[in-house]
C-alpha atoms as a PDB file:
ATOM      1  CA  LEU A   1       0.000   0.000   0.000  1.00  0.00           C
ATOM      2  CA  LYS A   2       2.998   2.326   0.223  1.00  0.00           C
ATOM      3  CA  VAL A   3       2.925   2.945  -3.540  1.00  0.00           C
ATOM      4  CA  HIS A   4      -0.858   3.397  -3.506  1.00  0.00           C
ATOM      5  CA  ASP A   5      -0.764   5.862  -0.606  1.00  0.00           C
ATOM      6  CA  LYS A   6       2.118   7.853  -2.098  1.00  0.00           C
ATOM      7  CA  VAL A   7       0.351   8.180  -5.458  1.00  0.00           C
ATOM      8  CA  MET A   8      -2.928   9.138  -3.790  1.00  0.00           C
ATOM      9  CA  ARG A   9      -1.314  11.856  -1.667  1.00  0.00           C
ATOM     10  CA  GLU A  10       0.781  13.303  -4.497  1.00  0.00           C
ATOM     11  CA  CYS A  11      -2.224  13.475  -6.794  1.00  0.00           C
ATOM     12  CA  LEU A  12      -4.396  14.897  -4.020  1.00  0.00           C
ATOM     13  CA  SER A  13      -1.901  17.714  -3.558  1.00  0.00           C
ATOM     14  CA  SER A  14      -1.938  18.469  -7.299  1.00  0.00           C
ATOM     15  CA  TYR A  15      -5.697  19.104  -7.207  1.00  0.00           C
ATOM     16  CA  ASP A  16      -5.832  21.018  -3.909  1.00  0.00           C
ATOM     17  CA  GLY A  17      -7.544  18.158  -2.125  1.00  0.00           C
ATOM     18  CA  TYR A  18      -7.820  17.650   1.612  1.00  0.00           C
ATOM     19  CA  GLU A  19      -7.195  14.235   3.122  1.00  0.00           C
ATOM     20  CA  VAL A  20      -9.974  13.898   5.687  1.00  0.00           C
ATOM     21  CA  LYS A  21      -8.968  10.418   6.858  1.00  0.00           C
ATOM     22  CA  THR A  22      -7.980   6.951   5.799  1.00  0.00           C
ATOM     23  CA  ILE A  23      -9.931   3.860   6.730  1.00  0.00           C
ATOM     24  CA  GLY A  24      -7.885   0.769   5.946  1.00  0.00           C
ATOM     25  CA  ASP A  25      -6.853   1.254   2.316  1.00  0.00           C
ATOM     26  CA  SER A  26      -9.633   3.797   1.639  1.00  0.00           C
ATOM     27  CA  PHE A  27      -9.117   7.531   1.487  1.00  0.00           C
ATOM     28  CA  MET A  28     -11.814  10.049   2.337  1.00  0.00           C
ATOM     29  CA  VAL A  29     -10.914  13.306   0.625  1.00  0.00           C
ATOM     30  CA  ALA A  30     -12.585  16.656   0.051  1.00  0.00           C
ATOM     31  CA  PHE A  31     -12.193  19.374  -2.549  1.00  0.00           C
ATOM     32  CA  GLU A  32     -13.261  22.979  -2.733  1.00  0.00           C
ATOM     33  CA  SER A  33     -14.513  22.499  -6.291  1.00  0.00           C
ATOM     34  CA  THR A  34     -16.296  19.680  -8.082  1.00  0.00           C
ATOM     35  CA  MET A  35     -13.997  20.160 -11.069  1.00  0.00           C
ATOM     36  CA  ASN A  36     -10.926  19.466  -8.935  1.00  0.00           C
ATOM     37  CA  ALA A  37     -12.598  16.354  -7.509  1.00  0.00           C
ATOM     38  CA  VAL A  38     -13.380  14.956 -10.966  1.00  0.00           C
ATOM     39  CA  GLN A  39      -9.927  15.840 -12.309  1.00  0.00           C
ATOM     40  CA  PHE A  40      -8.375  14.110  -9.295  1.00  0.00           C
ATOM     41  CA  ALA A  41     -10.523  11.000  -9.844  1.00  0.00           C
ATOM     42  CA  LEU A  42      -9.316  10.700 -13.438  1.00  0.00           C
ATOM     43  CA  ALA A  43      -5.692  11.637 -12.751  1.00  0.00           C
ATOM     44  CA  VAL A  44      -5.227   9.267  -9.818  1.00  0.00           C
ATOM     45  CA  GLN A  45      -6.351   6.334 -11.968  1.00  0.00           C
ATOM     46  CA  GLU A  46      -3.807   7.309 -14.616  1.00  0.00           C
ATOM     47  CA  ASP A  47      -1.065   7.823 -12.027  1.00  0.00           C
ATOM     48  CA  LEU A  48      -1.761   4.440 -10.413  1.00  0.00           C
ATOM     49  CA  LEU A  49      -1.563   2.786 -13.834  1.00  0.00           C
ATOM     50  CA  HIS A  50       1.952   4.161 -14.337  1.00  0.00           C
ATOM     51  CA  ALA A  51       3.171   3.735 -10.740  1.00  0.00           C
ATOM     52  CA  ALA A  52       6.304   1.734  -9.960  1.00  0.00           C
ATOM     53  CA  TRP A  53       4.617  -1.340  -8.476  1.00  0.00           C
ATOM     54  CA  PRO A  54       6.756  -4.031  -6.838  1.00  0.00           C
ATOM     55  CA  ALA A  55       7.497  -7.046  -9.034  1.00  0.00           C
ATOM     56  CA  ASN A  56       5.863  -9.488  -6.599  1.00  0.00           C
ATOM     57  CA  LEU A  57       2.572  -7.541  -6.852  1.00  0.00           C
ATOM     58  CA  LEU A  58       2.720  -7.449 -10.651  1.00  0.00           C
ATOM     59  CA  ALA A  59       3.256 -11.225 -10.632  1.00  0.00           C
ATOM     60  CA  CYS A  60      -0.343 -11.632  -9.396  1.00  0.00           C
ATOM     61  CA  ASP A  61      -2.843 -12.234 -12.210  1.00  0.00           C
ATOM     62  CA  ARG A  62      -5.188  -9.469 -11.040  1.00  0.00           C
ATOM     63  CA  CYS A  63      -2.386  -6.872 -10.848  1.00  0.00           C
ATOM     64  CA  ALA A  64      -0.397  -7.659 -13.986  1.00  0.00           C
ATOM     65  CA  TYR A  65      -0.574  -5.514 -17.104  1.00  0.00           C
ATOM     66  CA  THR A  66      -3.129  -6.870 -19.549  1.00  0.00           C
ATOM     67  CA  GLU A  67      -3.355  -6.392 -23.279  1.00  0.00           C
ATOM     68  CA  ASP A  68      -7.165  -6.176 -23.203  1.00  0.00           C
ATOM     69  CA  GLY A  69      -7.412  -3.350 -20.690  1.00  0.00           C
ATOM     70  CA  PRO A  70      -5.491  -0.600 -18.979  1.00  0.00           C
ATOM     71  CA  TRP A  71      -4.602  -2.488 -15.802  1.00  0.00           C
ATOM     72  CA  CYS A  72      -1.317  -2.539 -13.993  1.00  0.00           C
ATOM     73  CA  GLY A  73      -0.965  -2.669 -10.226  1.00  0.00           C
ATOM     74  CA  LEU A  74      -3.779  -2.212  -7.779  1.00  0.00           C
ATOM     75  CA  ARG A  75      -7.227  -1.403  -9.109  1.00  0.00           C
ATOM     76  CA  VAL A  76      -9.154   1.257  -7.233  1.00  0.00           C
ATOM     77  CA  ARG A  77     -12.662   2.654  -7.268  1.00  0.00           C
ATOM     78  CA  VAL A  78     -13.289   6.381  -6.905  1.00  0.00           C
ATOM     79  CA  GLY A  79     -16.662   7.938  -6.091  1.00  0.00           C
ATOM     80  CA  VAL A  80     -17.420  11.640  -6.468  1.00  0.00           C
ATOM     81  CA  HIS A  81     -20.454  13.418  -5.064  1.00  0.00           C
ATOM     82  CA  CYS A  82     -21.083  17.061  -4.219  1.00  0.00           C
ATOM     83  CA  GLY A  83     -23.299  18.848  -1.751  1.00  0.00           C
ATOM     84  CA  LYS A  84     -23.434  20.378   1.698  1.00  0.00           C
ATOM     85  CA  VAL A  85     -21.751  18.570   4.589  1.00  0.00           C
ATOM     86  CA  ASP A  86     -21.575  18.873   8.347  1.00  0.00           C
ATOM     87  CA  VAL A  87     -18.009  19.773   9.313  1.00  0.00           C
ATOM     88  CA  GLN A  88     -16.601  19.009  12.747  1.00  0.00           C
ATOM     89  CA  MET A  89     -13.121  19.231  14.197  1.00  0.00           C
ATOM     90  CA  ASN A  90     -11.859  15.840  15.378  1.00  0.00           C
ATOM     91  CA  PRO A  91     -10.533  16.478  18.902  1.00  0.00           C
ATOM     92  CA  LEU A  92      -8.034  13.597  18.669  1.00  0.00           C
ATOM     93  CA  THR A  93      -6.463  14.467  15.322  1.00  0.00           C
ATOM     94  CA  GLY A  94      -7.096  18.212  15.177  1.00  0.00           C
ATOM     95  CA  ARG A  95      -8.302  17.730  11.605  1.00  0.00           C
ATOM     96  CA  TYR A  96     -11.702  18.422  10.090  1.00  0.00           C
ATOM     97  CA  ASP A  97     -14.080  15.535   9.507  1.00  0.00           C
ATOM     98  CA  TYR A  98     -17.181  15.524   7.329  1.00  0.00           C
ATOM     99  CA  PHE A  99     -20.603  14.000   8.015  1.00  0.00           C
ATOM    100  CA  GLY A 100     -24.088  13.893   6.527  1.00  0.00           C
ATOM    101  CA  ASN A 101     -26.039  12.639   3.534  1.00  0.00           C
ATOM    102  CA  THR A 102     -23.498  13.935   1.009  1.00  0.00           C
ATOM    103  CA  VAL A 103     -20.731  11.915   2.661  1.00  0.00           C
ATOM    104  CA  ASN A 104     -22.921   8.811   2.801  1.00  0.00           C
ATOM    105  CA  LYS A 105     -23.850   9.117  -0.873  1.00  0.00           C
ATOM    106  CA  ALA A 106     -20.234   9.649  -1.904  1.00  0.00           C
ATOM    107  CA  SER A 107     -19.152   6.523  -0.067  1.00  0.00           C
ATOM    108  CA  ARG A 108     -21.739   4.508  -1.993  1.00  0.00           C
ATOM    109  CA  MET A 109     -20.813   6.050  -5.366  1.00  0.00           C
ATOM    110  CA  GLU A 110     -17.497   4.205  -5.462  1.00  0.00           C
ATOM    111  CA  GLY A 111     -19.096   0.858  -4.554  1.00  0.00           C
END
């Protein structure tokens, strides 16, 4: 996941995204504009395709480059949704967290 996380964070920075939190291998991120969110969603897929994945990961059938599709490395799903959210400061992390229907819908978009 080191490669995945590095690519996600570098791409997030390029589109002025905010890393709300990670849950396992999932990232919850927020953007000031919908355009930046959509551009991030497309760019991160492209960046992950061209990432320097370890040879032992690429040896797995589901992670190897295929001639019939643009796959190489881990495959990820990205959901984008926009709307109003409830924002609260997390007292443990000192970072903002987001709640509400918009967050719930976004989490289901990537499913």
